[in-house]
Amino acid sequence: MNPEPFRIEPTFSPRLWGSRSLAPLYPDKSDLAEPIGEAWLSDVNCRIATGAFTGITLADAWREMPAEWRGTMFAEPPDFPLLAKFIFPTDKLSIQVHPDDTYAAEHEKAAGGRGKTEMWHIVAAKPDASLLLGLKPGTTKDAFLAALENHTLENLFQRHAVAAGDTLFVPASTQHTIGANMVVFEAQEYSDLTYRVYDYGRVDPSGKPRELHLEKALAVTNFSGGIVQKVPRLTLPTQRGKRSLLAACRYFATERAEYSGLCDCSTNKSRFELLVVLGGSGQIRWTGGDATYAPGECWFIPANLEVFVIQPLRESSIIRTYVPDLAAARKRWQDSGISADALTHTVFD
């Protein structure tokens, strides 16, 4: 079975804080009847839109594809390991926190037993856009509970003004919320475990407050975290255009490439990649086939494809995200000329 990229259809999730227009990423989704908060690009229930697995779910395609497509890291097919999504907030998300793997394995076996580490890359933002990430150093559990009681919880958080192109790394156990007036790309460990702490008094369509998970949230929250900084973008050498490392950890590595002309791209036999189109249009070409790409799309690139070509028809911004062998990836980035010191601010162990 010859390797070929295939496109994954996103699933769109309604949210109270979402948007009724997802343009320009999804220009056909405007004047929506209900607000959409998230587009899940690699959910296991997403359908495959092109290629040999057309019509079946990503979960089924993952099991049925040749092992060489998944890569040597996934020779025996575990659950699909990587979730990519877009987030479209027009209001604040709830203040929330995610457990780490250790806590999830013990307390959340029914939900998959995996924690949730993630990263955010700001695709678009209005001038006043900001988010909360990390408690201020010195915040105690008692101070946190007091602020929760008197509705001043935001005062205990580090606030970050954001602009298009910013990246933030969100370790498990770090409390956070995303604010309004931005579009966010998120790559994360494949998990949907979220402990909601505070929801600004909102109610669901039936008029009931959404469930809170304060006891679990307090159990997993890191109250001794330090100052949170945006992740510096590291430029990688490329044949044409520009390619940057946004953030990496053992669960995912995420790069952003700007393609202005035809570019030969290589794969890594150890792992597949997901290509997510932020802007532009063009063709993906490989031995035996080609396909057009457009904004908002997510493409699965098999590990054994070896070489494929990006031919932009309009200058294109494309996310490339994958599960790395972190030690090998760190060496490769250093061999490309990035210093070990620079990597300490972008690669998280």
C-alpha atoms as a PDB file:
ATOM      1  CA  MET A   1       0.000   0.000   0.000  1.00  0.00           C
ATOM      2  CA  ASN A   2       1.796   3.130  -1.207  1.00  0.00           C
ATOM      3  CA  PRO A   3       1.948   5.948   1.346  1.00  0.00           C
ATOM      4  CA  GLU A   4      -0.156   9.006   0.576  1.00  0.00           C
ATOM      5  CA  PRO A   5      -1.246  12.045   2.585  1.00  0.00           C
ATOM      6  CA  PHE A   6      -4.926  12.249   3.448  1.00  0.00           C
ATOM      7  CA  ARG A   7      -7.148  15.054   4.663  1.00  0.00           C
ATOM      8  CA  ILE A   8      -9.046  14.789   7.950  1.00  0.00           C
ATOM      9  CA  GLU A   9     -12.455  16.456   8.208  1.00  0.00           C
ATOM     10  CA  PRO A  10     -12.719  18.589  11.369  1.00  0.00           C
ATOM     11  CA  THR A  11     -15.500  18.246  13.910  1.00  0.00           C
ATOM     12  CA  PHE A  12     -17.004  21.464  15.252  1.00  0.00           C
ATOM     13  CA  SER A  13     -17.960  21.754  18.915  1.00  0.00           C
ATOM     14  CA  PRO A  14     -20.549  24.272  20.164  1.00  0.00           C
ATOM     15  CA  ARG A  15     -19.483  26.279  23.215  1.00  0.00           C
ATOM     16  CA  LEU A  16     -21.190  29.044  25.205  1.00  0.00           C
ATOM     17  CA  TRP A  17     -18.176  31.285  24.654  1.00  0.00           C
ATOM     18  CA  GLY A  18     -17.730  30.440  20.955  1.00  0.00           C
ATOM     19  CA  SER A  19     -18.211  32.384  17.734  1.00  0.00           C
ATOM     20  CA  ARG A  20     -20.996  32.484  15.157  1.00  0.00           C
ATOM     21  CA  SER A  21     -18.464  33.044  12.370  1.00  0.00           C
ATOM     22  CA  LEU A  22     -15.288  31.001  11.832  1.00  0.00           C
ATOM     23  CA  ALA A  23     -14.131  33.016   8.802  1.00  0.00           C
ATOM     24  CA  PRO A  24     -11.570  33.378   7.356  1.00  0.00           C
ATOM     25  CA  LEU A  25     -10.378  29.880   8.312  1.00  0.00           C
ATOM     26  CA  TYR A  26     -13.803  28.436   7.468  1.00  0.00           C
ATOM     27  CA  PRO A  27     -15.583  31.007   5.265  1.00  0.00           C
ATOM     28  CA  ASP A  28     -18.593  28.734   4.792  1.00  0.00           C
ATOM     29  CA  LYS A  29     -19.236  28.802   8.552  1.00  0.00           C
ATOM     30  CA  SER A  30     -20.693  32.246   9.185  1.00  0.00           C
ATOM     31  CA  ASP A  31     -24.052  33.377  10.588  1.00  0.00           C
ATOM     32  CA  LEU A  32     -24.151  30.132  12.552  1.00  0.00           C
ATOM     33  CA  ALA A  33     -27.265  29.167  14.500  1.00  0.00           C
ATOM     34  CA  GLU A  34     -25.194  28.442  17.601  1.00  0.00           C
ATOM     35  CA  PRO A  35     -21.708  29.559  18.632  1.00  0.00           C
ATOM     36  CA  ILE A  36     -18.867  27.191  17.760  1.00  0.00           C
ATOM     37  CA  GLY A  37     -15.960  27.198  20.183  1.00  0.00           C
ATOM     38  CA  GLU A  38     -13.589  24.586  18.808  1.00  0.00           C
ATOM     39  CA  ALA A  39     -12.693  22.819  15.579  1.00  0.00           C
ATOM     40  CA  TRP A  40     -11.098  19.469  16.451  1.00  0.00           C
ATOM     41  CA  LEU A  41      -8.733  18.621  13.622  1.00  0.00           C
ATOM     42  CA  SER A  42      -7.470  15.201  14.674  1.00  0.00           C
ATOM     43  CA  ASP A  43     -10.178  13.820  16.913  1.00  0.00           C
ATOM     44  CA  VAL A  44     -10.444  10.052  16.553  1.00  0.00           C
ATOM     45  CA  ASN A  45     -14.085  10.478  15.510  1.00  0.00           C
ATOM     46  CA  CYS A  46     -13.183  12.797  12.623  1.00  0.00           C
ATOM     47  CA  ARG A  47     -13.838  11.319   9.177  1.00  0.00           C
ATOM     48  CA  ILE A  48     -11.186  10.889   6.505  1.00  0.00           C
ATOM     49  CA  ALA A  49     -11.995  12.996   3.449  1.00  0.00           C
ATOM     50  CA  THR A  50      -9.491  11.756   0.839  1.00  0.00           C
ATOM     51  CA  GLY A  51      -7.411   8.742  -0.121  1.00  0.00           C
ATOM     52  CA  ALA A  52      -7.694   5.056   0.646  1.00  0.00           C
ATOM     53  CA  PHE A  53      -9.466   5.561   3.998  1.00  0.00           C
ATOM     54  CA  THR A  54     -12.128   7.983   2.759  1.00  0.00           C
ATOM     55  CA  GLY A  55     -15.314   7.849   4.820  1.00  0.00           C
ATOM     56  CA  ILE A  56     -14.020   6.018   7.893  1.00  0.00           C
ATOM     57  CA  THR A  57     -12.978   7.583  11.190  1.00  0.00           C
ATOM     58  CA  LEU A  58      -9.437   8.540  12.070  1.00  0.00           C
ATOM     59  CA  ALA A  59      -9.505   5.879  14.800  1.00  0.00           C
ATOM     60  CA  ASP A  60     -10.303   3.172  12.244  1.00  0.00           C
ATOM     61  CA  ALA A  61      -7.774   4.497   9.738  1.00  0.00           C
ATOM     62  CA  TRP A  62      -5.095   4.565  12.471  1.00  0.00           C
ATOM     63  CA  ARG A  63      -5.698   0.878  13.211  1.00  0.00           C
ATOM     64  CA  GLU A  64      -5.970  -0.219   9.573  1.00  0.00           C
ATOM     65  CA  MET A  65      -3.065   1.676   8.000  1.00  0.00           C
ATOM     66  CA  PRO A  66       0.270  -0.087   7.506  1.00  0.00           C
ATOM     67  CA  ALA A  67       2.573   0.246  10.502  1.00  0.00           C
ATOM     68  CA  GLU A  68       5.077   2.090   8.312  1.00  0.00           C
ATOM     69  CA  TRP A  69       2.565   4.928   7.878  1.00  0.00           C
ATOM     70  CA  ARG A  70       2.372   5.452  11.642  1.00  0.00           C
ATOM     71  CA  GLY A  71       6.166   5.261  12.083  1.00  0.00           C
ATOM     72  CA  THR A  72       8.493   3.109  14.137  1.00  0.00           C
ATOM     73  CA  MET A  73       7.465   4.887  17.351  1.00  0.00           C
ATOM     74  CA  PHE A  74       3.948   3.534  16.792  1.00  0.00           C
ATOM     75  CA  ALA A  75       4.638   0.125  15.267  1.00  0.00           C
ATOM     76  CA  GLU A  76       2.041  -1.373  17.594  1.00  0.00           C
ATOM     77  CA  PRO A  77      -0.949   0.953  17.300  1.00  0.00           C
ATOM     78  CA  PRO A  78      -1.667   2.592  20.664  1.00  0.00           C
ATOM     79  CA  ASP A  79      -4.457   5.111  20.863  1.00  0.00           C
ATOM     80  CA  PHE A  80      -3.982   8.074  18.524  1.00  0.00           C
ATOM     81  CA  PRO A  81      -1.497  10.272  20.427  1.00  0.00           C
ATOM     82  CA  LEU A  82      -1.927  13.855  19.226  1.00  0.00           C
ATOM     83  CA  LEU A  83      -4.855  16.272  19.245  1.00  0.00           C
ATOM     84  CA  ALA A  84      -4.780  19.477  17.196  1.00  0.00           C
ATOM     85  CA  LYS A  85      -7.564  22.049  17.265  1.00  0.00           C
ATOM     86  CA  PHE A  86      -8.589  25.638  16.616  1.00  0.00           C
ATOM     87  CA  ILE A  87     -10.286  27.658  19.375  1.00  0.00           C
ATOM     88  CA  PHE A  88     -12.633  30.577  18.570  1.00  0.00           C
ATOM     89  CA  PRO A  89     -13.490  32.484  21.779  1.00  0.00           C
ATOM     90  CA  THR A  90     -15.716  35.577  21.823  1.00  0.00           C
ATOM     91  CA  ASP A  91     -15.873  35.416  25.632  1.00  0.00           C
ATOM     92  CA  LYS A  92     -13.595  34.056  28.338  1.00  0.00           C
ATOM     93  CA  LEU A  93     -13.320  30.307  28.724  1.00  0.00           C
ATOM     94  CA  SER A  94     -13.796  28.978  32.228  1.00  0.00           C
ATOM     95  CA  ILE A  95     -10.827  29.142  34.586  1.00  0.00           C
ATOM     96  CA  GLN A  96      -9.575  25.567  34.509  1.00  0.00           C
ATOM     97  CA  VAL A  97      -6.693  23.167  34.984  1.00  0.00           C
ATOM     98  CA  HIS A  98      -5.683  19.783  33.566  1.00  0.00           C
ATOM     99  CA  PRO A  99      -4.190  16.841  35.483  1.00  0.00           C
ATOM    100  CA  ASP A 100      -0.826  15.298  34.713  1.00  0.00           C
ATOM    101  CA  ASP A 101      -0.346  11.676  33.626  1.00  0.00           C
ATOM    102  CA  THR A 102       0.307  10.379  37.134  1.00  0.00           C
ATOM    103  CA  TYR A 103      -2.907  11.767  38.576  1.00  0.00           C
ATOM    104  CA  ALA A 104      -4.954  10.802  35.514  1.00  0.00           C
ATOM    105  CA  ALA A 105      -3.634   7.231  35.535  1.00  0.00           C
ATOM    106  CA  GLU A 106      -4.765   6.812  39.132  1.00  0.00           C
ATOM    107  CA  HIS A 107      -8.014   8.788  39.184  1.00  0.00           C
ATOM    108  CA  GLU A 108      -9.263   9.003  35.575  1.00  0.00           C
ATOM    109  CA  LYS A 109      -8.879   5.518  34.133  1.00  0.00           C
ATOM    110  CA  ALA A 110     -12.398   5.596  32.688  1.00  0.00           C
ATOM    111  CA  ALA A 111     -11.495   8.773  30.769  1.00  0.00           C
ATOM    112  CA  GLY A 112      -8.355   7.252  29.263  1.00  0.00           C
ATOM    113  CA  GLY A 113      -5.930   7.782  32.133  1.00  0.00           C
ATOM    114  CA  ARG A 114      -3.855  10.416  30.334  1.00  0.00           C
ATOM    115  CA  GLY A 115      -3.137  13.933  31.524  1.00  0.00           C
ATOM    116  CA  LYS A 116      -3.175  16.998  29.341  1.00  0.00           C
ATOM    117  CA  THR A 117      -0.173  19.122  28.448  1.00  0.00           C
ATOM    118  CA  GLU A 118      -0.759  21.606  25.631  1.00  0.00           C
ATOM    119  CA  MET A 119       0.568  24.617  23.748  1.00  0.00           C
ATOM    120  CA  TRP A 120      -1.183  27.623  22.220  1.00  0.00           C
ATOM    121  CA  HIS A 121      -0.158  29.462  19.073  1.00  0.00           C
ATOM    122  CA  ILE A 122      -2.067  32.690  18.445  1.00  0.00           C
ATOM    123  CA  VAL A 123      -3.343  32.713  14.860  1.00  0.00           C
ATOM    124  CA  ALA A 124      -5.171  36.065  15.070  1.00  0.00           C
ATOM    125  CA  ALA A 125      -5.920  38.532  17.848  1.00  0.00           C
ATOM    126  CA  LYS A 126      -7.532  41.925  18.309  1.00  0.00           C
ATOM    127  CA  PRO A 127      -5.413  44.628  19.997  1.00  0.00           C
ATOM    128  CA  ASP A 128      -6.973  44.100  23.438  1.00  0.00           C
ATOM    129  CA  ALA A 129      -6.719  40.286  23.457  1.00  0.00           C
ATOM    130  CA  SER A 130      -5.243  38.625  26.542  1.00  0.00           C
ATOM    131  CA  LEU A 131      -5.271  35.372  28.468  1.00  0.00           C
ATOM    132  CA  LEU A 132      -4.511  34.128  31.970  1.00  0.00           C
ATOM    133  CA  LEU A 133      -1.786  31.515  32.401  1.00  0.00           C
ATOM    134  CA  GLY A 134      -0.232  30.586  35.734  1.00  0.00           C
ATOM    135  CA  LEU A 135      -0.917  31.813  39.233  1.00  0.00           C
ATOM    136  CA  LYS A 136       1.187  34.694  40.522  1.00  0.00           C
ATOM    137  CA  PRO A 137       4.207  33.422  42.490  1.00  0.00           C
ATOM    138  CA  GLY A 138       3.401  33.135  46.179  1.00  0.00           C
ATOM    139  CA  THR A 139      -0.312  32.387  45.706  1.00  0.00           C
ATOM    140  CA  THR A 140      -1.447  29.959  48.404  1.00  0.00           C
ATOM    141  CA  LYS A 141      -4.367  27.580  48.397  1.00  0.00           C
ATOM    142  CA  ASP A 142      -6.051  29.629  51.156  1.00  0.00           C
ATOM    143  CA  ALA A 143      -5.678  32.846  49.156  1.00  0.00           C
ATOM    144  CA  PHE A 144      -7.007  31.056  46.094  1.00  0.00           C
ATOM    145  CA  LEU A 145     -10.126  29.838  47.934  1.00  0.00           C
ATOM    146  CA  ALA A 146     -10.740  33.288  49.402  1.00  0.00           C
ATOM    147  CA  ALA A 147     -10.526  34.898  45.960  1.00  0.00           C
ATOM    148  CA  LEU A 148     -12.831  32.243  44.549  1.00  0.00           C
ATOM    149  CA  GLU A 149     -15.365  33.044  47.263  1.00  0.00           C
ATOM    150  CA  ASN A 150     -15.358  36.794  46.610  1.00  0.00           C
ATOM    151  CA  HIS A 151     -15.124  36.520  42.789  1.00  0.00           C
ATOM    152  CA  THR A 152     -11.669  38.119  42.472  1.00  0.00           C
ATOM    153  CA  LEU A 153      -9.873  35.025  41.220  1.00  0.00           C
ATOM    154  CA  GLU A 154      -8.483  36.718  38.100  1.00  0.00           C
ATOM    155  CA  ASN A 155      -6.401  39.004  40.336  1.00  0.00           C
ATOM    156  CA  LEU A 156      -4.249  36.023  41.336  1.00  0.00           C
ATOM    157  CA  PHE A 157      -3.272  35.151  37.756  1.00  0.00           C
ATOM    158  CA  GLN A 158      -0.501  36.228  35.435  1.00  0.00           C
ATOM    159  CA  ARG A 159      -2.137  38.073  32.547  1.00  0.00           C
ATOM    160  CA  HIS A 160      -0.539  37.952  29.093  1.00  0.00           C
ATOM    161  CA  ALA A 161      -1.408  40.337  26.279  1.00  0.00           C
ATOM    162  CA  VAL A 162      -1.209  38.353  23.032  1.00  0.00           C
ATOM    163  CA  ALA A 163      -0.771  39.083  19.350  1.00  0.00           C
ATOM    164  CA  ALA A 164      -0.747  36.951  16.217  1.00  0.00           C
ATOM    165  CA  GLY A 165       2.363  34.769  16.201  1.00  0.00           C
ATOM    166  CA  ASP A 166       2.743  34.414  19.979  1.00  0.00           C
ATOM    167  CA  THR A 167       3.198  30.945  21.494  1.00  0.00           C
ATOM    168  CA  LEU A 168       2.635  29.797  25.084  1.00  0.00           C
ATOM    169  CA  PHE A 169       3.355  26.415  26.633  1.00  0.00           C
ATOM    170  CA  VAL A 170       0.751  25.099  29.101  1.00  0.00           C
ATOM    171  CA  PRO A 171       2.014  22.282  31.324  1.00  0.00           C
ATOM    172  CA  ALA A 172      -0.477  20.068  33.132  1.00  0.00           C
ATOM    173  CA  SER A 173      -1.329  21.413  36.625  1.00  0.00           C
ATOM    174  CA  THR A 174      -1.138  25.067  35.477  1.00  0.00           C
ATOM    175  CA  GLN A 175      -4.395  26.992  35.891  1.00  0.00           C
ATOM    176  CA  HIS A 176      -5.455  29.111  32.930  1.00  0.00           C
ATOM    177  CA  THR A 177      -8.158  30.616  30.769  1.00  0.00           C
ATOM    178  CA  ILE A 178      -8.184  31.998  27.230  1.00  0.00           C
ATOM    179  CA  GLY A 179      -9.800  35.393  26.722  1.00  0.00           C
ATOM    180  CA  ALA A 180     -12.001  36.760  23.960  1.00  0.00           C
ATOM    181  CA  ASN A 181     -11.111  38.230  20.564  1.00  0.00           C
ATOM    182  CA  MET A 182      -8.523  35.784  19.300  1.00  0.00           C
ATOM    183  CA  VAL A 183      -8.141  32.579  17.289  1.00  0.00           C
ATOM    184  CA  VAL A 184      -5.842  29.953  18.798  1.00  0.00           C
ATOM    185  CA  PHE A 185      -4.186  26.863  17.365  1.00  0.00           C
ATOM    186  CA  GLU A 186      -3.657  24.239  20.052  1.00  0.00           C
ATOM    187  CA  ALA A 187      -1.539  21.086  19.987  1.00  0.00           C
ATOM    188  CA  GLN A 188      -1.896  18.774  22.965  1.00  0.00           C
ATOM    189  CA  GLU A 189      -1.500  15.382  24.466  1.00  0.00           C
ATOM    190  CA  TYR A 190      -4.575  13.428  23.374  1.00  0.00           C
ATOM    191  CA  SER A 191      -6.866  13.928  26.363  1.00  0.00           C
ATOM    192  CA  ASP A 192     -10.038  15.849  27.138  1.00  0.00           C
ATOM    193  CA  LEU A 193      -9.640  15.964  30.922  1.00  0.00           C
ATOM    194  CA  THR A 194     -10.513  19.451  32.139  1.00  0.00           C
ATOM    195  CA  TYR A 195     -11.265  20.491  35.717  1.00  0.00           C
ATOM    196  CA  ARG A 196     -13.395  23.620  35.672  1.00  0.00           C
ATOM    197  CA  VAL A 197     -12.743  25.961  38.604  1.00  0.00           C
ATOM    198  CA  TYR A 198     -14.746  29.120  37.872  1.00  0.00           C
ATOM    199  CA  ASP A 199     -17.241  29.874  35.087  1.00  0.00           C
ATOM    200  CA  TYR A 200     -18.189  33.523  35.615  1.00  0.00           C
ATOM    201  CA  GLY A 201     -21.740  32.616  36.629  1.00  0.00           C
ATOM    202  CA  ARG A 202     -22.729  31.344  33.197  1.00  0.00           C
ATOM    203  CA  VAL A 203     -25.522  28.872  32.571  1.00  0.00           C
ATOM    204  CA  ASP A 204     -25.986  26.328  29.798  1.00  0.00           C
ATOM    205  CA  PRO A 205     -28.862  26.464  27.255  1.00  0.00           C
ATOM    206  CA  SER A 206     -31.137  24.715  29.765  1.00  0.00           C
ATOM    207  CA  GLY A 207     -30.481  27.447  32.337  1.00  0.00           C
ATOM    208  CA  LYS A 208     -28.255  25.361  34.620  1.00  0.00           C
ATOM    209  CA  PRO A 209     -24.732  26.299  35.751  1.00  0.00           C
ATOM    210  CA  ARG A 210     -22.025  24.177  34.168  1.00  0.00           C
ATOM    211  CA  GLU A 211     -20.401  21.604  36.434  1.00  0.00           C
ATOM    212  CA  LEU A 212     -17.362  22.658  38.455  1.00  0.00           C
ATOM    213  CA  HIS A 213     -14.585  20.298  39.605  1.00  0.00           C
ATOM    214  CA  LEU A 214     -12.991  22.250  42.440  1.00  0.00           C
ATOM    215  CA  GLU A 215     -11.804  19.335  44.583  1.00  0.00           C
ATOM    216  CA  LYS A 216      -9.936  17.670  41.716  1.00  0.00           C
ATOM    217  CA  ALA A 217      -8.640  21.020  40.481  1.00  0.00           C
ATOM    218  CA  LEU A 218      -7.123  21.840  43.863  1.00  0.00           C
ATOM    219  CA  ALA A 219      -5.584  18.360  44.033  1.00  0.00           C
ATOM    220  CA  VAL A 220      -3.671  18.845  40.778  1.00  0.00           C
ATOM    221  CA  THR A 221      -2.895  22.598  40.790  1.00  0.00           C
ATOM    222  CA  ASN A 222       0.737  23.644  41.001  1.00  0.00           C
ATOM    223  CA  PHE A 223       0.795  26.406  43.646  1.00  0.00           C
ATOM    224  CA  SER A 224       4.569  26.812  43.455  1.00  0.00           C
ATOM    225  CA  GLY A 225       4.956  27.781  39.804  1.00  0.00           C
ATOM    226  CA  GLY A 226       7.119  30.693  38.717  1.00  0.00           C
ATOM    227  CA  ILE A 227       6.799  33.451  36.159  1.00  0.00           C
ATOM    228  CA  VAL A 228       5.345  32.287  32.825  1.00  0.00           C
ATOM    229  CA  GLN A 229       6.947  33.662  29.662  1.00  0.00           C
ATOM    230  CA  LYS A 230       5.905  33.452  26.037  1.00  0.00           C
ATOM    231  CA  VAL A 231       7.919  30.855  24.143  1.00  0.00           C
ATOM    232  CA  PRO A 232      10.576  32.367  21.853  1.00  0.00           C
ATOM    233  CA  ARG A 233      10.319  31.219  18.250  1.00  0.00           C
ATOM    234  CA  LEU A 234      13.461  29.530  16.907  1.00  0.00           C
ATOM    235  CA  THR A 235      14.231  29.760  13.193  1.00  0.00           C
ATOM    236  CA  LEU A 236      15.241  26.511  11.465  1.00  0.00           C
ATOM    237  CA  PRO A 237      17.158  26.311   8.180  1.00  0.00           C
ATOM    238  CA  THR A 238      14.946  25.712   5.167  1.00  0.00           C
ATOM    239  CA  GLN A 239      15.253  25.423   1.415  1.00  0.00           C
ATOM    240  CA  ARG A 240      12.796  28.232   0.729  1.00  0.00           C
ATOM    241  CA  GLY A 241      10.604  30.439   2.853  1.00  0.00           C
ATOM    242  CA  LYS A 242      10.944  30.256   6.648  1.00  0.00           C
ATOM    243  CA  ARG A 243      10.486  27.474   9.202  1.00  0.00           C
ATOM    244  CA  SER A 244      10.368  27.947  12.966  1.00  0.00           C
ATOM    245  CA  LEU A 245      10.181  25.723  16.018  1.00  0.00           C
ATOM    246  CA  LEU A 246       7.315  27.030  18.179  1.00  0.00           C
ATOM    247  CA  ALA A 247       7.399  24.643  21.154  1.00  0.00           C
ATOM    248  CA  ALA A 248       8.239  21.028  21.928  1.00  0.00           C
ATOM    249  CA  CYS A 249       7.928  18.491  24.712  1.00  0.00           C
ATOM    250  CA  ARG A 250       7.717  14.702  24.870  1.00  0.00           C
ATOM    251  CA  TYR A 251       4.056  14.784  23.811  1.00  0.00           C
ATOM    252  CA  PHE A 252       4.350  17.021  20.751  1.00  0.00           C
ATOM    253  CA  ALA A 253       6.623  19.278  18.734  1.00  0.00           C
ATOM    254  CA  THR A 254       5.090  22.083  16.720  1.00  0.00           C
ATOM    255  CA  GLU A 255       6.744  23.986  13.902  1.00  0.00           C
ATOM    256  CA  ARG A 256       5.425  26.744  11.659  1.00  0.00           C
ATOM    257  CA  ALA A 257       6.531  27.079   8.042  1.00  0.00           C
ATOM    258  CA  GLU A 258       6.021  30.000   5.672  1.00  0.00           C
ATOM    259  CA  TYR A 259       6.095  28.804   2.058  1.00  0.00           C
ATOM    260  CA  SER A 260       6.535  31.386  -0.694  1.00  0.00           C
ATOM    261  CA  GLY A 261       7.665  28.977  -3.396  1.00  0.00           C
ATOM    262  CA  LEU A 262       7.979  25.294  -4.181  1.00  0.00           C
ATOM    263  CA  CYS A 263       9.635  23.395  -1.313  1.00  0.00           C
ATOM    264  CA  ASP A 264      10.746  19.778  -1.016  1.00  0.00           C
ATOM    265  CA  CYS A 265       9.794  18.422   2.418  1.00  0.00           C
ATOM    266  CA  SER A 266      11.197  15.326   4.112  1.00  0.00           C
ATOM    267  CA  THR A 267       9.534  13.017   6.604  1.00  0.00           C
ATOM    268  CA  ASN A 268      10.896  10.982   9.487  1.00  0.00           C
ATOM    269  CA  LYS A 269      10.344   7.217   9.511  1.00  0.00           C
ATOM    270  CA  SER A 270       9.912   7.250  13.274  1.00  0.00           C
ATOM    271  CA  ARG A 271       6.631   9.218  13.267  1.00  0.00           C
ATOM    272  CA  PHE A 272       3.790  10.634  11.172  1.00  0.00           C
ATOM    273  CA  GLU A 273       3.061  14.370  10.953  1.00  0.00           C
ATOM    274  CA  LEU A 274      -0.035  16.519  10.902  1.00  0.00           C
ATOM    275  CA  LEU A 275      -0.017  19.523   8.567  1.00  0.00           C
ATOM    276  CA  VAL A 276      -2.496  22.263   9.522  1.00  0.00           C
ATOM    277  CA  VAL A 277      -3.041  25.139   7.094  1.00  0.00           C
ATOM    278  CA  LEU A 278      -3.282  28.564   8.742  1.00  0.00           C
ATOM    279  CA  GLY A 279      -3.395  30.549   5.520  1.00  0.00           C
ATOM    280  CA  GLY A 280      -2.745  30.382   1.803  1.00  0.00           C
ATOM    281  CA  SER A 281      -3.479  27.682  -0.730  1.00  0.00           C
ATOM    282  CA  GLY A 282      -1.634  25.366  -3.053  1.00  0.00           C
ATOM    283  CA  GLN A 283      -0.796  21.744  -3.734  1.00  0.00           C
ATOM    284  CA  ILE A 284       0.764  18.856  -1.856  1.00  0.00           C
ATOM    285  CA  ARG A 285       2.550  16.541  -4.312  1.00  0.00           C
ATOM    286  CA  TRP A 286       4.050  13.129  -3.734  1.00  0.00           C
ATOM    287  CA  THR A 287       5.086  10.141  -5.814  1.00  0.00           C
ATOM    288  CA  GLY A 288       1.896   8.913  -7.422  1.00  0.00           C
ATOM    289  CA  GLY A 289      -0.433  11.755  -6.506  1.00  0.00           C
ATOM    290  CA  ASP A 290      -1.247  15.318  -5.573  1.00  0.00           C
ATOM    291  CA  ALA A 291      -3.954  17.257  -3.752  1.00  0.00           C
ATOM    292  CA  THR A 292      -4.909  20.875  -3.156  1.00  0.00           C
ATOM    293  CA  TYR A 293      -4.869  22.419   0.313  1.00  0.00           C
ATOM    294  CA  ALA A 294      -6.760  25.376   1.793  1.00  0.00           C
ATOM    295  CA  PRO A 295      -7.024  27.221   5.145  1.00  0.00           C
ATOM    296  CA  GLY A 296      -8.377  25.273   8.111  1.00  0.00           C
ATOM    297  CA  GLU A 297      -7.445  21.876   6.698  1.00  0.00           C
ATOM    298  CA  CYS A 298      -5.528  19.149   8.512  1.00  0.00           C
ATOM    299  CA  TRP A 299      -3.482  16.588   6.559  1.00  0.00           C
ATOM    300  CA  PHE A 300      -1.999  13.325   7.821  1.00  0.00           C
ATOM    301  CA  ILE A 301       1.507  12.777   6.387  1.00  0.00           C
ATOM    302  CA  PRO A 302       2.668   9.126   6.614  1.00  0.00           C
ATOM    303  CA  ALA A 303       6.053   8.505   8.205  1.00  0.00           C
ATOM    304  CA  ASN A 304       7.313   6.504   5.211  1.00  0.00           C
ATOM    305  CA  LEU A 305       6.362   9.047   2.533  1.00  0.00           C
ATOM    306  CA  GLU A 306      10.060  10.095   2.508  1.00  0.00           C
ATOM    307  CA  VAL A 307       9.630  13.181   0.300  1.00  0.00           C
ATOM    308  CA  PHE A 308       6.691  15.361  -0.600  1.00  0.00           C
ATOM    309  CA  VAL A 309       6.425  18.792  -2.159  1.00  0.00           C
ATOM    310  CA  ILE A 310       4.558  21.899  -1.055  1.00  0.00           C
ATOM    311  CA  GLN A 311       3.690  24.091  -4.041  1.00  0.00           C
ATOM    312  CA  PRO A 312       1.966  27.251  -2.819  1.00  0.00           C
ATOM    313  CA  LEU A 313      -0.336  29.061  -5.209  1.00  0.00           C
ATOM    314  CA  ARG A 314      -0.713  31.777  -2.568  1.00  0.00           C
ATOM    315  CA  GLU A 315       1.937  32.350   0.105  1.00  0.00           C
ATOM    316  CA  SER A 316       1.135  29.778   2.771  1.00  0.00           C
ATOM    317  CA  SER A 317       1.500  29.438   6.543  1.00  0.00           C
ATOM    318  CA  ILE A 318       1.424  25.810   7.638  1.00  0.00           C
ATOM    319  CA  ILE A 319       1.767  24.190  11.059  1.00  0.00           C
ATOM    320  CA  ARG A 320       3.693  20.907  11.179  1.00  0.00           C
ATOM    321  CA  THR A 321       3.098  19.015  14.427  1.00  0.00           C
ATOM    322  CA  TYR A 322       4.179  15.544  15.502  1.00  0.00           C
ATOM    323  CA  VAL A 323       5.184  13.380  18.467  1.00  0.00           C
ATOM    324  CA  PRO A 324       8.987  13.599  18.700  1.00  0.00           C
ATOM    325  CA  ASP A 325      11.729  11.380  19.954  1.00  0.00           C
ATOM    326  CA  LEU A 326      12.733  14.353  22.067  1.00  0.00           C
ATOM    327  CA  ALA A 327      16.395  13.455  22.552  1.00  0.00           C
ATOM    328  CA  ALA A 328      16.881  12.805  18.826  1.00  0.00           C
ATOM    329  CA  ALA A 329      14.950  15.935  17.901  1.00  0.00           C
ATOM    330  CA  ARG A 330      16.985  18.080  20.279  1.00  0.00           C
ATOM    331  CA  LYS A 331      20.206  16.786  18.674  1.00  0.00           C
ATOM    332  CA  ARG A 332      18.831  17.477  15.186  1.00  0.00           C
ATOM    333  CA  TRP A 333      17.912  21.049  16.113  1.00  0.00           C
ATOM    334  CA  GLN A 334      21.343  21.607  17.670  1.00  0.00           C
ATOM    335  CA  ASP A 335      23.024  20.151  14.582  1.00  0.00           C
ATOM    336  CA  SER A 336      21.049  22.661  12.511  1.00  0.00           C
ATOM    337  CA  GLY A 337      22.694  25.510  14.406  1.00  0.00           C
ATOM    338  CA  ILE A 338      20.308  26.240  17.295  1.00  0.00           C
ATOM    339  CA  SER A 339      22.171  26.555  20.580  1.00  0.00           C
ATOM    340  CA  ALA A 340      21.443  24.367  23.578  1.00  0.00           C
ATOM    341  CA  ASP A 341      20.704  27.518  25.585  1.00  0.00           C
ATOM    342  CA  ALA A 342      18.090  28.675  23.093  1.00  0.00           C
ATOM    343  CA  LEU A 343      16.447  25.260  23.113  1.00  0.00           C
ATOM    344  CA  THR A 344      15.993  25.354  26.901  1.00  0.00           C
ATOM    345  CA  HIS A 345      13.431  28.137  26.416  1.00  0.00           C
ATOM    346  CA  THR A 346      11.480  26.328  23.680  1.00  0.00           C
ATOM    347  CA  VAL A 347      11.852  22.607  24.440  1.00  0.00           C
ATOM    348  CA  PHE A 348      10.280  21.440  27.676  1.00  0.00           C
ATOM    349  CA  ASP A 349      11.225  18.168  29.371  1.00  0.00           C
END
